[in-house]
Amino acid sequence: QVQLVESGGGLVQAGGSLRLSCVVSGSIFGINAMGWYRQAPGKQRELVAVISSGGSTNYVDSVKGRFTISRDNTKNTVYLQMNRLKPEDTAVYSCNVGTVIGINYWGKGTLVTVSS
């Protein structure tokens, strides 16, 4: 049974920082890209950042220069360092893992609330 468990969310003031972690456990074959998505109240889910198996990264424009995605393949973990947080970053953040055989796995999400 594959599980993705996120942690690190919480309440922070604007300008502050948080580091999200997502640990992948269970029998999973061929992890490929790992990414973070977010969904704010009343909005569609959007891709925030993704990192390939080779370490290439991509970010949504609104977080470029503030967020950094990284991964530790030895620990099957993906991280999202979020700096200079803004109230509009408030959302449930979920991690996603794709495999080389086309299966995607999702975590349940962690809530990030940024107060002004």
N, C-alpha and C. Protein backbone atom coordinates (compact mmCIF):
# COMPACT_ATOMS: atom_id res chain seq x y z
N GLN A 1 0.85 -1.18 0.00
CA GLN A 1 0.00 0.00 0.00
C GLN A 1 0.88 1.24 0.00
N VAL A 2 0.79 2.02 -1.06
CA VAL A 2 1.58 3.24 -1.16
C VAL A 2 0.88 4.36 -0.41
N GLN A 3 1.65 5.08 0.38
CA GLN A 3 1.11 6.23 1.11
C GLN A 3 2.02 7.42 0.92
N LEU A 4 1.41 8.58 0.76
CA LEU A 4 2.11 9.85 0.73
C LEU A 4 1.61 10.66 1.92
N VAL A 5 2.51 11.06 2.78
CA VAL A 5 2.12 11.79 3.98
C VAL A 5 2.84 13.13 4.01
N GLU A 6 2.05 14.20 3.95
CA GLU A 6 2.61 15.55 4.00
C GLU A 6 2.67 16.04 5.44
N SER A 7 3.62 16.92 5.69
CA SER A 7 3.72 17.58 7.00
C SER A 7 4.37 18.94 6.80
N GLY A 8 4.26 19.75 7.84
CA GLY A 8 4.93 21.05 7.82
C GLY A 8 4.02 22.23 7.61
N GLY A 9 2.75 21.99 7.35
CA GLY A 9 1.83 23.10 7.20
C GLY A 9 1.53 23.77 8.52
N GLY A 10 0.82 24.89 8.45
CA GLY A 10 0.47 25.60 9.67
C GLY A 10 0.10 27.03 9.38
N LEU A 11 0.06 27.81 10.47
CA LEU A 11 -0.28 29.22 10.38
C LEU A 11 1.00 30.05 10.49
N VAL A 12 1.17 30.98 9.58
CA VAL A 12 2.36 31.82 9.57
C VAL A 12 1.97 33.22 9.13
N GLN A 13 2.71 34.20 9.62
CA GLN A 13 2.44 35.58 9.20
C GLN A 13 3.03 35.85 7.83
N ALA A 14 2.46 36.79 7.14
CA ALA A 14 3.00 37.18 5.84
C ALA A 14 4.48 37.56 5.98
N GLY A 15 5.26 37.08 5.02
CA GLY A 15 6.70 37.30 5.07
C GLY A 15 7.47 36.17 5.72
N GLY A 16 6.75 35.26 6.35
CA GLY A 16 7.39 34.15 7.04
C GLY A 16 7.69 32.99 6.10
N SER A 17 8.16 31.90 6.71
CA SER A 17 8.58 30.72 5.94
C SER A 17 8.00 29.45 6.53
N LEU A 18 7.83 28.48 5.68
CA LEU A 18 7.45 27.12 6.08
C LEU A 18 8.16 26.14 5.16
N ARG A 19 8.40 24.95 5.68
CA ARG A 19 8.98 23.89 4.87
C ARG A 19 8.06 22.68 4.91
N LEU A 20 7.53 22.32 3.77
CA LEU A 20 6.67 21.15 3.66
C LEU A 20 7.50 19.92 3.30
N SER A 21 7.08 18.80 3.84
CA SER A 21 7.71 17.52 3.50
C SER A 21 6.63 16.53 3.08
N CYS A 22 7.00 15.63 2.20
CA CYS A 22 6.09 14.57 1.77
C CYS A 22 6.90 13.28 1.69
N VAL A 23 6.55 12.34 2.56
CA VAL A 23 7.25 11.07 2.61
C VAL A 23 6.42 10.01 1.89
N VAL A 24 7.05 9.32 0.98
CA VAL A 24 6.41 8.24 0.23
C VAL A 24 6.80 6.90 0.85
N SER A 25 5.81 6.13 1.24
CA SER A 25 6.09 4.82 1.83
C SER A 25 5.32 3.74 1.07
N GLY A 26 5.77 2.51 1.30
CA GLY A 26 5.11 1.40 0.62
C GLY A 26 5.89 0.97 -0.61
N SER A 27 5.38 -0.02 -1.26
CA SER A 27 6.04 -0.59 -2.43
C SER A 27 5.66 0.21 -3.67
N ILE A 28 6.61 1.01 -4.14
CA ILE A 28 6.35 1.85 -5.30
C ILE A 28 7.49 1.67 -6.28
N PHE A 29 7.15 1.44 -7.53
CA PHE A 29 8.14 1.16 -8.55
C PHE A 29 8.38 2.37 -9.44
N GLY A 30 9.63 2.71 -9.59
CA GLY A 30 9.98 3.69 -10.61
C GLY A 30 9.45 5.08 -10.39
N ILE A 31 9.75 5.70 -9.24
CA ILE A 31 9.32 7.07 -9.00
C ILE A 31 9.95 7.97 -10.05
N ASN A 32 9.13 8.81 -10.66
CA ASN A 32 9.60 9.72 -11.68
C ASN A 32 9.52 11.14 -11.14
N ALA A 33 8.60 11.93 -11.65
CA ALA A 33 8.48 13.31 -11.17
C ALA A 33 7.74 13.35 -9.83
N MET A 34 8.10 14.34 -9.03
CA MET A 34 7.43 14.59 -7.76
C MET A 34 7.03 16.05 -7.75
N GLY A 35 5.85 16.32 -7.25
CA GLY A 35 5.38 17.71 -7.31
C GLY A 35 4.49 18.10 -6.16
N TRP A 36 4.29 19.39 -6.06
CA TRP A 36 3.38 19.97 -5.08
C TRP A 36 2.28 20.73 -5.80
N TYR A 37 1.05 20.49 -5.36
CA TYR A 37 -0.11 21.20 -5.86
C TYR A 37 -0.74 21.93 -4.69
N ARG A 38 -1.57 22.91 -5.00
CA ARG A 38 -2.32 23.58 -3.95
C ARG A 38 -3.73 23.92 -4.45
N GLN A 39 -4.62 23.98 -3.49
CA GLN A 39 -5.99 24.37 -3.79
C GLN A 39 -6.48 25.32 -2.72
N ALA A 40 -6.76 26.53 -3.15
CA ALA A 40 -7.30 27.54 -2.24
C ALA A 40 -8.82 27.45 -2.25
N PRO A 41 -9.46 27.94 -1.20
CA PRO A 41 -10.93 27.89 -1.13
C PRO A 41 -11.58 28.56 -2.35
N GLY A 42 -12.47 27.84 -2.99
CA GLY A 42 -13.19 28.39 -4.13
C GLY A 42 -12.40 28.44 -5.42
N LYS A 43 -11.19 27.87 -5.41
CA LYS A 43 -10.35 27.91 -6.61
C LYS A 43 -10.00 26.50 -7.06
N GLN A 44 -9.57 26.40 -8.31
CA GLN A 44 -9.13 25.11 -8.83
C GLN A 44 -7.74 24.78 -8.30
N ARG A 45 -7.46 23.49 -8.27
CA ARG A 45 -6.13 23.05 -7.86
C ARG A 45 -5.12 23.47 -8.93
N GLU A 46 -3.96 23.92 -8.48
CA GLU A 46 -2.92 24.31 -9.42
C GLU A 46 -1.59 23.67 -9.04
N LEU A 47 -0.80 23.43 -10.06
CA LEU A 47 0.55 22.91 -9.85
C LEU A 47 1.44 24.05 -9.36
N VAL A 48 2.09 23.85 -8.25
CA VAL A 48 2.97 24.86 -7.67
C VAL A 48 4.41 24.65 -8.14
N ALA A 49 4.88 23.41 -8.00
CA ALA A 49 6.28 23.12 -8.35
C ALA A 49 6.42 21.64 -8.65
N VAL A 50 7.34 21.31 -9.52
CA VAL A 50 7.60 19.92 -9.86
C VAL A 50 9.09 19.72 -10.04
N ILE A 51 9.55 18.53 -9.67
CA ILE A 51 10.97 18.20 -9.83
C ILE A 51 11.05 16.84 -10.50
N SER A 52 11.86 16.75 -11.52
CA SER A 52 12.00 15.50 -12.27
C SER A 52 12.94 14.55 -11.54
N SER A 53 13.03 13.35 -12.04
CA SER A 53 13.93 12.37 -11.43
C SER A 53 15.38 12.83 -11.57
N GLY A 54 15.65 13.65 -12.56
CA GLY A 54 17.01 14.15 -12.77
C GLY A 54 17.30 15.45 -12.04
N GLY A 55 16.28 15.99 -11.37
CA GLY A 55 16.50 17.20 -10.59
C GLY A 55 16.08 18.49 -11.25
N SER A 56 15.55 18.43 -12.46
CA SER A 56 15.06 19.64 -13.11
C SER A 56 13.79 20.11 -12.41
N THR A 57 13.64 21.43 -12.31
CA THR A 57 12.51 21.98 -11.57
C THR A 57 11.72 22.97 -12.43
N ASN A 58 10.45 23.09 -12.10
CA ASN A 58 9.59 24.09 -12.70
C ASN A 58 8.63 24.61 -11.65
N TYR A 59 8.30 25.89 -11.77
CA TYR A 59 7.45 26.54 -10.80
C TYR A 59 6.36 27.36 -11.49
N VAL A 60 5.24 27.49 -10.83
CA VAL A 60 4.24 28.44 -11.30
C VAL A 60 4.81 29.84 -11.08
N ASP A 61 4.47 30.76 -11.97
CA ASP A 61 5.08 32.08 -11.94
C ASP A 61 4.93 32.78 -10.59
N SER A 62 3.80 32.58 -9.93
CA SER A 62 3.51 33.32 -8.70
C SER A 62 4.44 32.95 -7.54
N VAL A 63 5.16 31.85 -7.63
CA VAL A 63 6.04 31.45 -6.53
C VAL A 63 7.52 31.47 -6.90
N LYS A 64 7.81 31.78 -8.14
CA LYS A 64 9.21 31.80 -8.57
C LYS A 64 10.01 32.80 -7.74
N GLY A 65 11.17 32.36 -7.29
CA GLY A 65 12.02 33.21 -6.46
C GLY A 65 11.68 33.14 -4.98
N ARG A 66 10.57 32.53 -4.63
CA ARG A 66 10.18 32.42 -3.22
C ARG A 66 10.15 30.97 -2.73
N PHE A 67 9.75 30.06 -3.60
CA PHE A 67 9.62 28.65 -3.22
C PHE A 67 10.73 27.84 -3.88
N THR A 68 11.17 26.78 -3.19
CA THR A 68 12.16 25.87 -3.74
C THR A 68 11.73 24.43 -3.49
N ILE A 69 11.66 23.66 -4.55
CA ILE A 69 11.34 22.24 -4.42
C ILE A 69 12.62 21.43 -4.48
N SER A 70 12.68 20.39 -3.66
CA SER A 70 13.85 19.50 -3.67
C SER A 70 13.38 18.10 -3.32
N ARG A 71 14.26 17.14 -3.53
CA ARG A 71 13.91 15.76 -3.23
C ARG A 71 15.12 15.01 -2.70
N ASP A 72 14.84 14.01 -1.87
CA ASP A 72 15.86 13.11 -1.37
C ASP A 72 15.44 11.71 -1.78
N ASN A 73 16.06 11.21 -2.83
CA ASN A 73 15.65 9.92 -3.37
C ASN A 73 15.96 8.77 -2.41
N THR A 74 16.93 8.96 -1.55
CA THR A 74 17.26 7.90 -0.59
C THR A 74 16.18 7.75 0.46
N LYS A 75 15.40 8.82 0.65
CA LYS A 75 14.34 8.80 1.65
C LYS A 75 12.95 8.83 1.02
N ASN A 76 12.89 8.80 -0.31
CA ASN A 76 11.60 8.91 -1.01
C ASN A 76 10.79 10.09 -0.48
N THR A 77 11.45 11.23 -0.40
CA THR A 77 10.83 12.42 0.19
C THR A 77 11.01 13.60 -0.74
N VAL A 78 9.96 14.41 -0.82
CA VAL A 78 10.03 15.66 -1.57
C VAL A 78 9.70 16.80 -0.62
N TYR A 79 10.40 17.91 -0.80
CA TYR A 79 10.26 19.05 0.08
C TYR A 79 9.80 20.27 -0.71
N LEU A 80 9.18 21.21 0.00
CA LEU A 80 8.87 22.51 -0.58
C LEU A 80 9.21 23.57 0.45
N GLN A 81 10.29 24.29 0.20
CA GLN A 81 10.67 25.40 1.06
C GLN A 81 9.95 26.63 0.56
N MET A 82 9.17 27.24 1.44
CA MET A 82 8.36 28.41 1.07
C MET A 82 8.81 29.61 1.89
N ASN A 83 9.33 30.60 1.21
CA ASN A 83 9.80 31.82 1.86
C ASN A 83 8.96 33.01 1.40
N ARG A 84 9.03 34.07 2.17
CA ARG A 84 8.30 35.32 1.86
C ARG A 84 6.85 34.99 1.50
N LEU A 85 6.23 34.26 2.38
CA LEU A 85 4.86 33.84 2.14
C LEU A 85 3.90 35.02 2.12
N LYS A 86 2.87 34.87 1.29
CA LYS A 86 1.86 35.90 1.12
C LYS A 86 0.49 35.34 1.47
N PRO A 87 -0.46 36.18 1.85
CA PRO A 87 -1.81 35.67 2.15
C PRO A 87 -2.39 34.86 0.99
N GLU A 88 -2.07 35.21 -0.23
CA GLU A 88 -2.61 34.47 -1.38
C GLU A 88 -1.98 33.09 -1.56
N ASP A 89 -0.98 32.76 -0.75
CA ASP A 89 -0.42 31.40 -0.74
C ASP A 89 -1.26 30.45 0.13
N THR A 90 -2.23 30.99 0.84
CA THR A 90 -3.08 30.17 1.70
C THR A 90 -3.81 29.13 0.87
N ALA A 91 -3.65 27.86 1.24
CA ALA A 91 -4.25 26.77 0.48
C ALA A 91 -3.94 25.44 1.17
N VAL A 92 -4.59 24.40 0.70
CA VAL A 92 -4.19 23.04 1.06
C VAL A 92 -3.16 22.59 0.03
N TYR A 93 -2.00 22.20 0.53
CA TYR A 93 -0.90 21.77 -0.34
C TYR A 93 -0.82 20.25 -0.32
N SER A 94 -0.81 19.67 -1.50
CA SER A 94 -0.77 18.22 -1.64
C SER A 94 0.41 17.81 -2.51
N CYS A 95 1.01 16.70 -2.16
CA CYS A 95 2.10 16.22 -3.01
C CYS A 95 1.58 15.14 -3.96
N ASN A 96 2.27 15.04 -5.06
CA ASN A 96 1.93 14.08 -6.11
C ASN A 96 3.21 13.40 -6.58
N VAL A 97 3.13 12.12 -6.79
CA VAL A 97 4.27 11.36 -7.29
C VAL A 97 3.83 10.59 -8.53
N GLY A 98 4.60 10.73 -9.57
CA GLY A 98 4.34 9.98 -10.79
C GLY A 98 5.39 8.90 -10.97
N THR A 99 4.98 7.82 -11.60
CA THR A 99 5.92 6.73 -11.81
C THR A 99 6.16 6.53 -13.31
N VAL A 100 7.21 5.76 -13.60
CA VAL A 100 7.58 5.53 -15.00
C VAL A 100 6.55 4.71 -15.75
N ILE A 101 5.64 4.05 -15.00
CA ILE A 101 4.60 3.25 -15.66
C ILE A 101 3.27 3.99 -15.67
N GLY A 102 3.32 5.28 -15.35
CA GLY A 102 2.15 6.12 -15.53
C GLY A 102 1.15 6.17 -14.40
N ILE A 103 1.50 5.62 -13.26
CA ILE A 103 0.61 5.68 -12.10
C ILE A 103 0.94 6.93 -11.29
N ASN A 104 -0.09 7.63 -10.85
CA ASN A 104 0.07 8.81 -10.00
C ASN A 104 -0.49 8.54 -8.62
N TYR A 105 0.23 9.02 -7.62
CA TYR A 105 -0.21 8.89 -6.24
C TYR A 105 -0.33 10.28 -5.63
N TRP A 106 -1.30 10.41 -4.71
CA TRP A 106 -1.57 11.69 -4.07
C TRP A 106 -1.56 11.56 -2.56
N GLY A 107 -1.08 12.61 -1.91
CA GLY A 107 -1.24 12.71 -0.48
C GLY A 107 -2.56 13.39 -0.15
N LYS A 108 -2.89 13.43 1.14
CA LYS A 108 -4.16 14.01 1.56
C LYS A 108 -4.09 15.52 1.72
N GLY A 109 -2.88 16.03 1.83
CA GLY A 109 -2.71 17.47 1.91
C GLY A 109 -2.42 17.99 3.30
N THR A 110 -1.82 19.17 3.31
CA THR A 110 -1.55 19.87 4.56
C THR A 110 -1.93 21.34 4.36
N LEU A 111 -2.58 21.93 5.36
CA LEU A 111 -3.10 23.28 5.24
C LEU A 111 -2.03 24.31 5.58
N VAL A 112 -1.88 25.26 4.69
CA VAL A 112 -1.01 26.41 4.93
C VAL A 112 -1.89 27.65 4.97
N THR A 113 -1.79 28.38 6.09
CA THR A 113 -2.56 29.60 6.25
C THR A 113 -1.59 30.76 6.50
N VAL A 114 -1.67 31.77 5.67
CA VAL A 114 -0.79 32.93 5.80
C VAL A 114 -1.65 34.13 6.19
N SER A 115 -1.37 34.68 7.35
CA SER A 115 -2.14 35.83 7.83
C SER A 115 -1.47 37.14 7.41
N SER A 116 -2.30 38.13 7.21
CA SER A 116 -1.76 39.43 6.76
C SER A 116 -1.41 40.33 7.93
